[in-house]
């Protein structure tokens, strides 16, 4: 399963480090998520979604996941 963190980060206009700080995680950890080298666990995904809903009202949890094309 891939995620949409990079697209969401661009949508809110933040740099990687700024976005990682906003989500409350280390930039190196976030970078692995964005580059699809590691996927967030369920709790981290939910925590990120709850934070991102502050910036993107109406964001669904499913919006964090890339659907196969």
N, C-alpha and C. Protein backbone atom coordinates (compact mmCIF):
# COMPACT_ATOMS: atom_id res chain seq x y z
N UNK A 1 0.84 -1.18 0.00
CA UNK A 1 0.00 0.00 0.00
C UNK A 1 0.89 1.24 0.00
N UNK A 2 0.64 2.15 -0.88
CA UNK A 2 1.38 3.41 -0.92
C UNK A 2 0.55 4.50 -0.27
N UNK A 3 1.21 5.62 0.05
CA UNK A 3 0.50 6.72 0.69
C UNK A 3 0.58 7.99 -0.16
N UNK A 4 -0.21 8.97 0.21
CA UNK A 4 -0.30 10.24 -0.51
C UNK A 4 0.33 11.41 0.24
N UNK A 5 1.25 11.14 1.14
CA UNK A 5 1.79 12.23 1.95
C UNK A 5 2.47 13.32 1.12
N UNK A 6 3.19 12.94 0.09
CA UNK A 6 3.87 13.95 -0.73
C UNK A 6 2.86 14.88 -1.39
N UNK A 7 1.81 14.31 -1.97
CA UNK A 7 0.77 15.12 -2.61
C UNK A 7 0.08 16.03 -1.59
N UNK A 8 -0.20 15.51 -0.42
CA UNK A 8 -0.85 16.31 0.62
C UNK A 8 0.07 17.43 1.11
N UNK A 9 1.36 17.13 1.22
CA UNK A 9 2.33 18.15 1.65
C UNK A 9 2.38 19.29 0.64
N UNK A 10 2.39 18.93 -0.64
CA UNK A 10 2.40 19.97 -1.67
C UNK A 10 1.09 20.77 -1.64
N UNK A 11 0.01 20.08 -1.37
CA UNK A 11 -1.31 20.74 -1.33
C UNK A 11 -1.37 21.83 -0.26
N UNK A 12 -0.70 21.60 0.86
CA UNK A 12 -0.71 22.60 1.93
C UNK A 12 0.49 23.55 1.84
N UNK A 13 1.37 23.32 0.88
CA UNK A 13 2.48 24.24 0.62
C UNK A 13 3.58 24.24 1.66
N UNK A 14 3.93 23.07 2.17
CA UNK A 14 4.98 22.97 3.18
C UNK A 14 6.20 22.23 2.62
N UNK A 15 7.36 22.56 3.18
CA UNK A 15 8.59 21.81 2.90
C UNK A 15 8.56 20.53 3.74
N UNK A 16 9.40 19.56 3.38
CA UNK A 16 9.42 18.28 4.10
C UNK A 16 9.63 18.45 5.60
N UNK A 17 10.64 19.22 5.97
CA UNK A 17 10.94 19.39 7.39
C UNK A 17 9.79 20.04 8.15
N UNK A 18 9.21 21.05 7.54
CA UNK A 18 8.08 21.76 8.14
C UNK A 18 6.89 20.82 8.33
N UNK A 19 6.64 20.00 7.32
CA UNK A 19 5.52 19.06 7.36
C UNK A 19 5.75 18.00 8.45
N UNK A 20 6.99 17.52 8.53
CA UNK A 20 7.31 16.52 9.55
C UNK A 20 7.09 17.09 10.95
N UNK A 21 7.56 18.33 11.17
CA UNK A 21 7.37 18.99 12.46
C UNK A 21 5.87 19.13 12.74
N UNK A 22 5.11 19.54 11.74
CA UNK A 22 3.66 19.69 11.92
C UNK A 22 3.02 18.36 12.35
N UNK A 23 3.48 17.27 11.73
CA UNK A 23 2.92 15.95 12.07
C UNK A 23 3.49 15.40 13.38
N UNK A 24 4.57 16.03 13.88
CA UNK A 24 5.14 15.60 15.15
C UNK A 24 6.07 14.41 15.02
N UNK A 25 6.72 14.27 13.87
CA UNK A 25 7.66 13.16 13.67
C UNK A 25 8.98 13.71 13.15
N UNK A 26 10.03 12.90 13.23
CA UNK A 26 11.34 13.28 12.72
C UNK A 26 11.30 13.39 11.20
N UNK A 27 12.07 14.33 10.67
CA UNK A 27 12.10 14.51 9.21
C UNK A 27 12.58 13.24 8.52
N UNK A 28 13.56 12.56 9.09
CA UNK A 28 14.08 11.34 8.47
C UNK A 28 13.00 10.26 8.41
N UNK A 29 12.20 10.19 9.44
CA UNK A 29 11.10 9.22 9.49
C UNK A 29 10.04 9.59 8.44
N UNK A 30 9.68 10.88 8.41
CA UNK A 30 8.69 11.33 7.43
C UNK A 30 9.19 11.09 6.00
N UNK A 31 10.46 11.35 5.77
CA UNK A 31 11.03 11.18 4.44
C UNK A 31 10.86 9.74 3.95
N UNK A 32 10.99 8.79 4.86
CA UNK A 32 10.79 7.38 4.49
C UNK A 32 9.34 7.13 4.09
N UNK A 33 8.42 7.78 4.77
CA UNK A 33 7.00 7.65 4.39
C UNK A 33 6.79 8.21 2.99
N UNK A 34 7.28 9.44 2.79
CA UNK A 34 7.03 10.11 1.53
C UNK A 34 7.66 9.38 0.35
N UNK A 35 8.83 8.79 0.58
CA UNK A 35 9.53 8.08 -0.49
C UNK A 35 9.11 6.61 -0.60
N UNK A 36 8.09 6.24 0.13
CA UNK A 36 7.51 4.89 0.09
C UNK A 36 8.51 3.82 0.54
N UNK A 37 9.52 4.21 1.34
CA UNK A 37 10.48 3.23 1.85
C UNK A 37 9.95 2.56 3.11
N UNK A 38 8.97 3.20 3.72
CA UNK A 38 8.35 2.68 4.93
C UNK A 38 6.93 3.25 4.97
N UNK A 39 6.00 2.46 5.41
CA UNK A 39 4.63 2.94 5.55
C UNK A 39 4.31 3.15 7.02
N UNK A 40 3.54 4.19 7.32
CA UNK A 40 3.18 4.42 8.72
C UNK A 40 2.30 3.29 9.25
N UNK A 41 2.46 2.98 10.51
CA UNK A 41 1.57 1.99 11.11
C UNK A 41 0.18 2.61 11.28
N UNK A 42 -0.77 1.81 11.67
CA UNK A 42 -2.16 2.25 11.77
C UNK A 42 -2.31 3.46 12.68
N UNK A 43 -1.69 3.41 13.86
CA UNK A 43 -1.82 4.52 14.81
C UNK A 43 -1.19 5.81 14.28
N UNK A 44 -0.04 5.69 13.61
CA UNK A 44 0.61 6.86 13.03
C UNK A 44 -0.22 7.45 11.90
N UNK A 45 -0.82 6.59 11.11
CA UNK A 45 -1.66 7.05 10.00
C UNK A 45 -2.87 7.82 10.54
N UNK A 46 -3.49 7.30 11.57
CA UNK A 46 -4.65 7.97 12.17
C UNK A 46 -4.23 9.30 12.80
N UNK A 47 -3.09 9.32 13.50
CA UNK A 47 -2.61 10.56 14.12
C UNK A 47 -2.32 11.61 13.04
N UNK A 48 -1.70 11.21 11.94
CA UNK A 48 -1.41 12.13 10.84
C UNK A 48 -2.71 12.65 10.23
N UNK A 49 -3.67 11.78 10.04
CA UNK A 49 -4.96 12.18 9.48
C UNK A 49 -5.65 13.22 10.38
N UNK A 50 -5.64 12.98 11.68
CA UNK A 50 -6.28 13.92 12.60
C UNK A 50 -5.62 15.29 12.54
N UNK A 51 -4.29 15.32 12.44
CA UNK A 51 -3.58 16.60 12.32
C UNK A 51 -3.91 17.28 10.99
N UNK A 52 -3.87 16.52 9.91
CA UNK A 52 -4.08 17.09 8.58
C UNK A 52 -5.51 17.60 8.39
N UNK A 53 -6.45 17.03 9.11
CA UNK A 53 -7.84 17.52 9.03
C UNK A 53 -7.94 18.97 9.49
N UNK A 54 -6.99 19.42 10.33
CA UNK A 54 -6.98 20.81 10.77
C UNK A 54 -6.70 21.74 9.59
N UNK A 55 -5.82 21.31 8.69
CA UNK A 55 -5.45 22.10 7.52
C UNK A 55 -6.35 21.86 6.32
N UNK A 56 -6.86 20.64 6.23
CA UNK A 56 -7.67 20.23 5.08
C UNK A 56 -9.00 19.66 5.56
N UNK A 57 -9.93 20.54 5.96
CA UNK A 57 -11.23 20.04 6.43
C UNK A 57 -11.87 19.15 5.36
N UNK A 58 -12.48 18.11 5.79
CA UNK A 58 -13.13 17.19 4.87
C UNK A 58 -12.21 16.07 4.39
N UNK A 59 -10.95 16.09 4.82
CA UNK A 59 -10.00 15.05 4.43
C UNK A 59 -10.44 13.73 5.06
N UNK A 60 -10.54 12.71 4.25
CA UNK A 60 -10.90 11.38 4.74
C UNK A 60 -9.63 10.57 4.99
N UNK A 61 -9.72 9.62 5.87
CA UNK A 61 -8.58 8.75 6.15
C UNK A 61 -8.12 8.05 4.86
N UNK A 62 -9.06 7.69 4.01
CA UNK A 62 -8.73 7.03 2.75
C UNK A 62 -7.94 7.94 1.82
N UNK A 63 -8.01 9.27 2.01
CA UNK A 63 -7.27 10.21 1.18
C UNK A 63 -5.77 10.11 1.41
N UNK A 64 -5.35 9.48 2.49
CA UNK A 64 -3.93 9.32 2.78
C UNK A 64 -3.33 8.12 2.04
N UNK A 65 -4.17 7.30 1.44
CA UNK A 65 -3.73 6.07 0.78
C UNK A 65 -3.88 6.21 -0.73
N UNK A 66 -2.85 5.79 -1.46
CA UNK A 66 -2.91 5.79 -2.93
C UNK A 66 -3.64 4.52 -3.36
N UNK A 67 -4.64 4.71 -4.19
CA UNK A 67 -5.34 3.56 -4.73
C UNK A 67 -4.63 3.09 -5.99
N UNK A 68 -4.61 1.78 -6.22
CA UNK A 68 -3.97 1.27 -7.43
C UNK A 68 -4.65 1.83 -8.68
N UNK A 69 -3.85 2.12 -9.67
CA UNK A 69 -4.42 2.68 -10.92
C UNK A 69 -4.86 1.59 -11.86
